[in-house]
Amino acid sequence: MKSAQSIEDFYVGRGYRGERLRKALEADREYQEVLKRKRSTLTKRVNATSAEQQRYVLSIDPDFTILDRCKKLEKQKLSLSDQQLVHLIKSQLKQDWRKPLNSMLRKLETKYRIER
């Protein structure tokens, strides 16, 4: 059986990127089956909640590693800036990861009085 990464690499090699790649992978039954098995295993290891599984993409091992590390950091007493950084890092696991980045950039522009 192929790995999720090898199936994704196949589509990338055919020129699929971004939304087109996401749709192709959603339609690929073999990819979805591999992903389902992998998520089941990794979800148990990382203890990802059902809400986290819906909120974040979590399609490859590094996604679960990032989520696990963020969850461990969130249990610590972090400074406000570190809390915001962890939140921003977790936002990169979302399908629409650009929105949180733009939001953070707008806040920084306002803080430093930079016109858009």
Protein backbone atom coordinates (compact mmCIF):
# COMPACT_ATOMS: atom_id res chain seq x y z
CA MET A 1 0.00 0.00 0.00
CA LYS A 2 1.22 3.50 -0.86
CA SER A 3 1.89 6.15 1.76
CA ALA A 4 -0.09 9.38 1.97
CA GLN A 5 3.07 11.29 1.08
CA SER A 6 3.74 9.22 -2.05
CA ILE A 7 0.16 9.77 -3.25
CA GLU A 8 0.46 13.51 -2.60
CA ASP A 9 3.84 13.58 -4.37
CA PHE A 10 2.19 11.93 -7.39
CA TYR A 11 -0.31 14.80 -7.70
CA VAL A 12 2.32 17.46 -7.04
CA GLY A 13 4.45 15.89 -9.79
CA ARG A 14 1.46 16.30 -12.11
CA GLY A 15 1.36 20.03 -11.33
CA TYR A 16 -1.39 20.08 -8.70
CA ARG A 17 -1.03 22.83 -6.11
CA GLY A 18 -3.15 24.55 -3.47
CA GLU A 19 -6.91 24.12 -3.70
CA ARG A 20 -6.65 21.89 -6.77
CA LEU A 21 -4.32 19.53 -4.89
CA ARG A 22 -6.60 19.49 -1.84
CA LYS A 23 -9.63 18.59 -3.98
CA ALA A 24 -7.73 15.85 -5.82
CA LEU A 25 -6.62 14.30 -2.53
CA GLU A 26 -10.14 14.50 -1.11
CA ALA A 27 -11.39 12.58 -4.14
CA ASP A 28 -8.63 9.95 -4.02
CA ARG A 29 -10.05 6.91 -2.18
CA GLU A 30 -6.69 5.29 -1.53
CA TYR A 31 -5.34 8.53 -0.04
CA GLN A 32 -8.41 8.90 2.17
CA GLU A 33 -8.06 5.30 3.43
CA VAL A 34 -4.37 5.76 4.23
CA LEU A 35 -5.15 9.07 5.91
CA LYS A 36 -7.93 7.52 7.99
CA ARG A 37 -5.64 4.76 9.30
CA LYS A 38 -2.81 7.18 9.99
CA ARG A 39 -5.08 9.65 11.78
CA SER A 40 -6.49 6.88 13.95
CA THR A 41 -3.03 5.85 15.12
CA LEU A 42 -1.65 9.36 15.56
CA THR A 43 -4.80 10.70 17.21
CA LYS A 44 -4.40 8.14 19.97
CA ARG A 45 -0.71 8.93 20.42
CA VAL A 46 -1.19 12.71 20.52
CA ASN A 47 -4.63 12.56 22.15
CA ALA A 48 -6.14 14.97 19.60
CA THR A 49 -9.73 15.82 20.45
CA SER A 50 -12.51 15.51 17.88
CA ALA A 51 -12.73 19.32 17.81
CA GLU A 52 -9.00 19.53 17.00
CA GLN A 53 -9.39 16.90 14.29
CA GLN A 54 -12.10 19.02 12.67
CA ARG A 55 -10.34 22.37 13.20
CA TYR A 56 -6.91 21.33 11.92
CA VAL A 57 -5.77 19.52 8.78
CA LEU A 58 -3.59 16.92 10.58
CA SER A 59 -2.70 14.95 7.48
CA ILE A 60 0.97 14.15 8.08
CA ASP A 61 3.10 13.15 11.08
CA PRO A 62 4.67 16.62 11.54
CA ASP A 63 1.15 18.11 11.91
CA PHE A 64 0.50 15.86 14.90
CA THR A 65 3.94 16.61 16.33
CA ILE A 66 3.30 20.36 16.10
CA LEU A 67 -0.11 19.99 17.75
CA ASP A 68 1.34 17.82 20.52
CA ARG A 69 4.13 20.29 21.24
CA CYS A 70 1.69 23.22 21.29
CA LYS A 71 -0.62 21.39 23.69
CA LYS A 72 2.31 20.72 26.04
CA LEU A 73 3.35 24.38 25.90
CA GLU A 74 -0.21 25.55 26.58
CA LYS A 75 -0.14 23.64 29.88
CA GLN A 76 2.77 25.83 31.01
CA LYS A 77 2.56 29.32 32.46
CA LEU A 78 3.48 31.28 29.35
CA SER A 79 3.91 35.00 28.87
CA LEU A 80 1.19 36.70 26.82
CA SER A 81 3.50 37.00 23.81
CA ASP A 82 4.41 33.29 24.03
CA GLN A 83 0.71 32.37 24.30
CA GLN A 84 0.03 34.39 21.15
CA LEU A 85 2.94 32.72 19.38
CA VAL A 86 1.68 29.22 20.26
CA HIS A 87 -1.80 30.23 19.08
CA LEU A 88 -0.34 31.50 15.79
CA ILE A 89 1.66 28.28 15.34
CA LYS A 90 -1.47 26.17 15.88
CA SER A 91 -3.32 28.31 13.36
CA GLN A 92 -0.89 27.12 10.71
CA LEU A 93 -2.48 23.67 11.00
CA LYS A 94 -5.80 25.07 9.75
CA GLN A 95 -6.96 24.73 6.17
CA ASP A 96 -7.18 28.53 5.90
CA TRP A 97 -3.87 29.35 7.59
CA ARG A 98 -3.48 32.71 5.86
CA LYS A 99 -6.36 34.36 7.73
CA PRO A 100 -4.67 34.20 11.19
CA LEU A 101 -1.40 35.45 9.67
CA ASN A 102 -3.16 38.43 8.10
CA SER A 103 -4.93 39.15 11.37
CA MET A 104 -1.64 39.16 13.28
CA LEU A 105 -0.04 41.38 10.62
CA ARG A 106 -2.94 43.87 10.86
CA LYS A 107 -2.45 44.06 14.64
CA LEU A 108 1.25 44.72 14.20
CA GLU A 109 0.57 47.37 11.54
CA THR A 110 -1.86 49.09 13.88
CA LYS A 111 0.57 48.87 16.78
CA TYR A 112 3.35 50.47 14.75
CA ARG A 113 0.99 52.83 12.88
CA ILE A 114 1.77 51.45 9.45
CA GLU A 115 -0.78 52.25 6.76
CA ARG A 116 -2.12 49.43 4.64
